[in-house]
Amino acid sequence: MDIKAKIIDEIGMQRIITRFAHEILEKNKESKDLVLMGMRTRGEFLANRIHAQIRAIEGIELPLGVMDVTLYRDDFRTRLKQPQVSVTNVTFDINDKDIILIDDVLYTGRTVRSALDAIMDLGRPNTIQLCILVDRGHRELPIKADYVGKNIPTSINEEIKVKMSEIDGEDAVYLVDTSDK
């Protein structure tokens, strides 16, 4: 992994999570129908942190779920050699709810499209809002995030690597050169 730059550090990530919590609460003034859903893997950890921040700010306990969209991906058979399938954990009714779908990086939009399909299989929400830590561009589908931590335009030979202390031992976002792959 050839690191070109550290884009977000631990303090920056905490600031973004705090901002997300305030923006979500501001846009959804009546939070009684609000639910958070993190996408495996790092979106799940972001959702947990946003959930805790909303609880600290408002003193409310929002429903929190986890989505695994591996089997919904349109490249499931062609691109993913041996997919790692995890469990979707949504233990509440999503009908007529305002869902905040949370993930770490928005790239082509295909993972988000897969998540939308998975959500619709669970019920009929009122709205689905997308919260993304990093938008790196290069969309292949007409998908746009409602909440963006940082826009980082990348070249086709670059990737965004998100590190989270829960599984990576640090909180950071790196711009990585992949031209040697």
C-alpha atoms as a PDB file:
ATOM      1  CA  MET A   1       0.000   0.000   0.000  1.00  0.00           C
ATOM      2  CA  ASP A   2       1.661   3.204  -1.229  1.00  0.00           C
ATOM      3  CA  ILE A   3       0.229   5.965   0.968  1.00  0.00           C
ATOM      4  CA  LYS A   4       0.131   9.314  -0.820  1.00  0.00           C
ATOM      5  CA  ALA A   5      -1.482  11.330   1.977  1.00  0.00           C
ATOM      6  CA  LYS A   6      -3.279  11.094   5.290  1.00  0.00           C
ATOM      7  CA  ILE A   7      -6.522  12.944   4.573  1.00  0.00           C
ATOM      8  CA  ILE A   8      -8.329  12.619   7.914  1.00  0.00           C
ATOM      9  CA  ASP A   9      -6.831  11.920  11.334  1.00  0.00           C
ATOM     10  CA  GLU A  10      -8.519  10.815  14.567  1.00  0.00           C
ATOM     11  CA  ILE A  11      -9.545  14.349  15.578  1.00  0.00           C
ATOM     12  CA  GLY A  12     -10.862  15.088  12.103  1.00  0.00           C
ATOM     13  CA  MET A  13     -12.929  11.906  12.105  1.00  0.00           C
ATOM     14  CA  GLN A  14     -14.460  12.785  15.484  1.00  0.00           C
ATOM     15  CA  ARG A  15     -15.348  16.259  14.202  1.00  0.00           C
ATOM     16  CA  ILE A  16     -17.050  14.744  11.138  1.00  0.00           C
ATOM     17  CA  ILE A  17     -19.050  12.320  13.297  1.00  0.00           C
ATOM     18  CA  THR A  18     -20.161  15.167  15.573  1.00  0.00           C
ATOM     19  CA  ARG A  19     -21.136  17.233  12.511  1.00  0.00           C
ATOM     20  CA  PHE A  20     -23.065  14.270  11.062  1.00  0.00           C
ATOM     21  CA  ALA A  21     -25.054  13.901  14.286  1.00  0.00           C
ATOM     22  CA  HIS A  22     -25.990  17.599  14.303  1.00  0.00           C
ATOM     23  CA  GLU A  23     -26.851  17.647  10.577  1.00  0.00           C
ATOM     24  CA  ILE A  24     -28.999  14.516  10.854  1.00  0.00           C
ATOM     25  CA  LEU A  25     -30.871  15.933  13.851  1.00  0.00           C
ATOM     26  CA  GLU A  26     -31.316  19.297  12.153  1.00  0.00           C
ATOM     27  CA  LYS A  27     -32.695  17.805   8.935  1.00  0.00           C
ATOM     28  CA  ASN A  28     -34.933  15.346  10.821  1.00  0.00           C
ATOM     29  CA  LYS A  29     -36.445  17.557  13.497  1.00  0.00           C
ATOM     30  CA  GLU A  30     -39.036  14.963  14.455  1.00  0.00           C
ATOM     31  CA  SER A  31     -36.704  12.068  15.237  1.00  0.00           C
ATOM     32  CA  LYS A  32     -39.430   9.653  16.348  1.00  0.00           C
ATOM     33  CA  ASP A  33     -39.315   7.783  13.000  1.00  0.00           C
ATOM     34  CA  LEU A  34     -35.559   8.049  12.529  1.00  0.00           C
ATOM     35  CA  VAL A  35     -33.399   4.908  12.308  1.00  0.00           C
ATOM     36  CA  LEU A  36     -29.707   4.412  11.563  1.00  0.00           C
ATOM     37  CA  MET A  37     -28.333   1.618   9.379  1.00  0.00           C
ATOM     38  CA  GLY A  38     -24.624   1.024   8.963  1.00  0.00           C
ATOM     39  CA  MET A  39     -23.242  -0.939   6.034  1.00  0.00           C
ATOM     40  CA  ARG A  40     -20.763  -3.656   6.891  1.00  0.00           C
ATOM     41  CA  THR A  41     -17.978  -3.231   7.786  1.00  0.00           C
ATOM     42  CA  ARG A  42     -16.759   0.290   8.441  1.00  0.00           C
ATOM     43  CA  GLY A  43     -20.195   1.828   7.894  1.00  0.00           C
ATOM     44  CA  GLU A  44     -21.353  -0.239  10.855  1.00  0.00           C
ATOM     45  CA  PHE A  45     -18.714   1.353  13.097  1.00  0.00           C
ATOM     46  CA  LEU A  46     -19.519   4.839  11.802  1.00  0.00           C
ATOM     47  CA  ALA A  47     -23.207   4.207  12.513  1.00  0.00           C
ATOM     48  CA  ASN A  48     -22.380   3.116  16.072  1.00  0.00           C
ATOM     49  CA  ARG A  49     -20.402   6.312  16.647  1.00  0.00           C
ATOM     50  CA  ILE A  50     -23.074   8.573  15.126  1.00  0.00           C
ATOM     51  CA  HIS A  51     -25.681   6.746  17.214  1.00  0.00           C
ATOM     52  CA  ALA A  52     -23.688   7.409  20.390  1.00  0.00           C
ATOM     53  CA  GLN A  53     -23.194  11.066  19.440  1.00  0.00           C
ATOM     54  CA  ILE A  54     -26.928  11.571  18.812  1.00  0.00           C
ATOM     55  CA  ARG A  55     -27.642   9.948  22.179  1.00  0.00           C
ATOM     56  CA  ALA A  56     -25.156  12.330  23.850  1.00  0.00           C
ATOM     57  CA  ILE A  57     -26.664  15.389  22.132  1.00  0.00           C
ATOM     58  CA  GLU A  58     -30.390  14.619  22.369  1.00  0.00           C
ATOM     59  CA  GLY A  59     -30.617  11.903  25.003  1.00  0.00           C
ATOM     60  CA  ILE A  60     -32.575   9.669  22.610  1.00  0.00           C
ATOM     61  CA  GLU A  61     -31.972   6.030  21.691  1.00  0.00           C
ATOM     62  CA  LEU A  62     -32.541   5.541  17.970  1.00  0.00           C
ATOM     63  CA  PRO A  63     -32.973   2.096  16.437  1.00  0.00           C
ATOM     64  CA  LEU A  64     -29.667   0.934  14.962  1.00  0.00           C
ATOM     65  CA  GLY A  65     -29.261  -1.773  12.327  1.00  0.00           C
ATOM     66  CA  VAL A  66     -26.521  -3.288  10.195  1.00  0.00           C
ATOM     67  CA  MET A  67     -26.754  -4.133   6.489  1.00  0.00           C
ATOM     68  CA  ASP A  68     -24.661  -6.676   4.602  1.00  0.00           C
ATOM     69  CA  VAL A  69     -25.305  -6.216   0.888  1.00  0.00           C
ATOM     70  CA  THR A  70     -22.843  -8.789  -0.478  1.00  0.00           C
ATOM     71  CA  LEU A  71     -25.537 -10.982  -2.026  1.00  0.00           C
ATOM     72  CA  TYR A  72     -27.303  -7.953  -3.536  1.00  0.00           C
ATOM     73  CA  ARG A  73     -24.266  -6.732  -5.484  1.00  0.00           C
ATOM     74  CA  ASP A  74     -24.553  -6.798  -9.269  1.00  0.00           C
ATOM     75  CA  ASP A  75     -20.926  -7.954  -9.496  1.00  0.00           C
ATOM     76  CA  PHE A  76     -21.417 -10.758  -6.978  1.00  0.00           C
ATOM     77  CA  ARG A  77     -20.625 -13.569  -9.439  1.00  0.00           C
ATOM     78  CA  THR A  78     -18.088 -11.825 -11.656  1.00  0.00           C
ATOM     79  CA  ARG A  79     -15.899  -9.731  -9.370  1.00  0.00           C
ATOM     80  CA  LEU A  80     -16.061 -11.257  -5.939  1.00  0.00           C
ATOM     81  CA  LYS A  81     -14.093 -14.515  -5.952  1.00  0.00           C
ATOM     82  CA  GLN A  82     -14.937 -15.845  -2.500  1.00  0.00           C
ATOM     83  CA  PRO A  83     -17.312 -13.300  -0.960  1.00  0.00           C
ATOM     84  CA  GLN A  84     -17.338 -12.808   2.778  1.00  0.00           C
ATOM     85  CA  VAL A  85     -21.034 -12.853   3.655  1.00  0.00           C
ATOM     86  CA  SER A  86     -22.088 -11.453   7.024  1.00  0.00           C
ATOM     87  CA  VAL A  87     -25.432 -11.079   8.701  1.00  0.00           C
ATOM     88  CA  THR A  88     -27.849  -8.230   8.175  1.00  0.00           C
ATOM     89  CA  ASN A  89     -29.091  -7.250  11.613  1.00  0.00           C
ATOM     90  CA  VAL A  90     -32.262  -5.147  11.450  1.00  0.00           C
ATOM     91  CA  THR A  91     -34.485  -6.088  14.388  1.00  0.00           C
ATOM     92  CA  PHE A  92     -37.068  -3.326  13.951  1.00  0.00           C
ATOM     93  CA  ASP A  93     -39.820  -2.468  11.499  1.00  0.00           C
ATOM     94  CA  ILE A  94     -38.593  -0.070   8.789  1.00  0.00           C
ATOM     95  CA  ASN A  95     -42.019   0.691   7.319  1.00  0.00           C
ATOM     96  CA  ASP A  96     -42.698   4.449   7.304  1.00  0.00           C
ATOM     97  CA  LYS A  97     -39.306   5.139   8.934  1.00  0.00           C
ATOM     98  CA  ASP A  98     -36.710   7.705   7.906  1.00  0.00           C
ATOM     99  CA  ILE A  99     -33.565   5.653   7.364  1.00  0.00           C
ATOM    100  CA  ILE A 100     -30.073   7.109   7.562  1.00  0.00           C
ATOM    101  CA  LEU A 101     -27.910   4.686   5.540  1.00  0.00           C
ATOM    102  CA  ILE A 102     -24.269   5.037   6.610  1.00  0.00           C
ATOM    103  CA  ASP A 103     -21.104   3.905   4.808  1.00  0.00           C
ATOM    104  CA  ASP A 104     -17.446   4.865   4.691  1.00  0.00           C
ATOM    105  CA  VAL A 105     -16.694   5.539   0.995  1.00  0.00           C
ATOM    106  CA  LEU A 106     -18.950   6.425  -1.917  1.00  0.00           C
ATOM    107  CA  TYR A 107     -17.371   5.492  -5.246  1.00  0.00           C
ATOM    108  CA  THR A 108     -19.353   4.054  -8.176  1.00  0.00           C
ATOM    109  CA  GLY A 109     -22.646   3.945  -6.274  1.00  0.00           C
ATOM    110  CA  ARG A 110     -23.147   0.221  -6.834  1.00  0.00           C
ATOM    111  CA  THR A 111     -22.855  -0.716  -3.154  1.00  0.00           C
ATOM    112  CA  VAL A 112     -25.451   1.900  -2.242  1.00  0.00           C
ATOM    113  CA  ARG A 113     -27.757   0.615  -4.990  1.00  0.00           C
ATOM    114  CA  SER A 114     -27.374  -2.862  -3.490  1.00  0.00           C
ATOM    115  CA  ALA A 115     -28.250  -1.487  -0.053  1.00  0.00           C
ATOM    116  CA  LEU A 116     -31.367   0.183  -1.437  1.00  0.00           C
ATOM    117  CA  ASP A 117     -32.488  -3.177  -2.872  1.00  0.00           C
ATOM    118  CA  ALA A 118     -31.832  -4.875   0.476  1.00  0.00           C
ATOM    119  CA  ILE A 119     -33.765  -2.199   2.374  1.00  0.00           C
ATOM    120  CA  MET A 120     -36.750  -2.503   0.033  1.00  0.00           C
ATOM    121  CA  ASP A 121     -36.808  -6.250   0.674  1.00  0.00           C
ATOM    122  CA  LEU A 122     -37.234  -5.445   4.378  1.00  0.00           C
ATOM    123  CA  GLY A 123     -40.108  -2.985   3.993  1.00  0.00           C
ATOM    124  CA  ARG A 124     -41.244   0.392   2.713  1.00  0.00           C
ATOM    125  CA  PRO A 125     -39.461   3.276   4.470  1.00  0.00           C
ATOM    126  CA  ASN A 126     -40.697   6.854   4.319  1.00  0.00           C
ATOM    127  CA  THR A 127     -37.264   8.175   3.230  1.00  0.00           C
ATOM    128  CA  ILE A 128     -33.712   6.909   2.844  1.00  0.00           C
ATOM    129  CA  GLN A 129     -30.910   9.419   3.403  1.00  0.00           C
ATOM    130  CA  LEU A 130     -27.291   8.594   2.631  1.00  0.00           C
ATOM    131  CA  CYS A 131     -24.447   9.495   5.005  1.00  0.00           C
ATOM    132  CA  ILE A 132     -20.908   8.965   3.664  1.00  0.00           C
ATOM    133  CA  LEU A 133     -17.566   9.615   5.360  1.00  0.00           C
ATOM    134  CA  VAL A 134     -15.708  10.139   2.040  1.00  0.00           C
ATOM    135  CA  ASP A 135     -17.069  10.784  -1.455  1.00  0.00           C
ATOM    136  CA  ARG A 136     -14.299  10.021  -3.937  1.00  0.00           C
ATOM    137  CA  GLY A 137     -16.244  10.585  -7.154  1.00  0.00           C
ATOM    138  CA  HIS A 138     -16.340   8.313 -10.255  1.00  0.00           C
ATOM    139  CA  ARG A 139     -20.063   7.573 -10.011  1.00  0.00           C
ATOM    140  CA  GLU A 140     -21.520   4.980 -12.391  1.00  0.00           C
ATOM    141  CA  LEU A 141     -25.056   5.372 -11.051  1.00  0.00           C
ATOM    142  CA  PRO A 142     -27.034   8.545 -10.244  1.00  0.00           C
ATOM    143  CA  ILE A 143     -26.480   8.388  -6.481  1.00  0.00           C
ATOM    144  CA  LYS A 144     -25.646  11.367  -4.281  1.00  0.00           C
ATOM    145  CA  ALA A 145     -25.074  11.491  -0.525  1.00  0.00           C
ATOM    146  CA  ASP A 146     -27.156  13.710   1.744  1.00  0.00           C
ATOM    147  CA  TYR A 147     -24.359  13.973   4.325  1.00  0.00           C
ATOM    148  CA  VAL A 148     -20.695  13.952   3.278  1.00  0.00           C
ATOM    149  CA  GLY A 149     -17.760  14.091   5.670  1.00  0.00           C
ATOM    150  CA  LYS A 150     -15.210  15.011   3.010  1.00  0.00           C
ATOM    151  CA  ASN A 151     -15.117  15.133  -0.783  1.00  0.00           C
ATOM    152  CA  ILE A 152     -11.805  13.730  -2.033  1.00  0.00           C
ATOM    153  CA  PRO A 153     -11.595  13.631  -5.837  1.00  0.00           C
ATOM    154  CA  THR A 154      -9.407  10.708  -6.848  1.00  0.00           C
ATOM    155  CA  SER A 155      -7.798   9.480 -10.038  1.00  0.00           C
ATOM    156  CA  ILE A 156      -8.544   6.016 -11.340  1.00  0.00           C
ATOM    157  CA  ASN A 157      -5.153   4.900  -9.926  1.00  0.00           C
ATOM    158  CA  GLU A 158      -5.990   6.015  -6.393  1.00  0.00           C
ATOM    159  CA  GLU A 159      -8.099   4.550  -3.618  1.00  0.00           C
ATOM    160  CA  ILE A 160      -9.385   5.760  -0.295  1.00  0.00           C
ATOM    161  CA  LYS A 161      -8.501   3.543   2.664  1.00  0.00           C
ATOM    162  CA  VAL A 162     -10.551   4.145   5.792  1.00  0.00           C
ATOM    163  CA  LYS A 163      -9.087   2.874   9.039  1.00  0.00           C
ATOM    164  CA  MET A 164     -11.213   2.544  12.163  1.00  0.00           C
ATOM    165  CA  SER A 165      -9.898   1.710  15.605  1.00  0.00           C
ATOM    166  CA  GLU A 166     -12.479  -1.046  16.106  1.00  0.00           C
ATOM    167  CA  ILE A 167     -10.782  -3.248  13.492  1.00  0.00           C
ATOM    168  CA  ASP A 168      -7.697  -1.390  12.245  1.00  0.00           C
ATOM    169  CA  GLY A 169      -6.244  -0.002  15.465  1.00  0.00           C
ATOM    170  CA  GLU A 170      -6.434   3.638  14.318  1.00  0.00           C
ATOM    171  CA  ASP A 171      -8.888   6.249  13.058  1.00  0.00           C
ATOM    172  CA  ALA A 172      -7.670   7.696   9.774  1.00  0.00           C
ATOM    173  CA  VAL A 173      -8.398   8.102   6.084  1.00  0.00           C
ATOM    174  CA  TYR A 174      -5.584   7.653   3.584  1.00  0.00           C
ATOM    175  CA  LEU A 175      -5.221   8.402  -0.110  1.00  0.00           C
ATOM    176  CA  VAL A 176      -3.425   5.394  -1.602  1.00  0.00           C
ATOM    177  CA  ASP A 177      -1.693   4.939  -4.963  1.00  0.00           C
ATOM    178  CA  THR A 178      -2.798   1.707  -6.665  1.00  0.00           C
ATOM    179  CA  SER A 179      -0.994   2.130  -9.998  1.00  0.00           C
ATOM    180  CA  ASP A 180       1.343  -0.778  -9.149  1.00  0.00           C
ATOM    181  CA  LYS A 181      -1.543  -3.282  -8.857  1.00  0.00           C
END
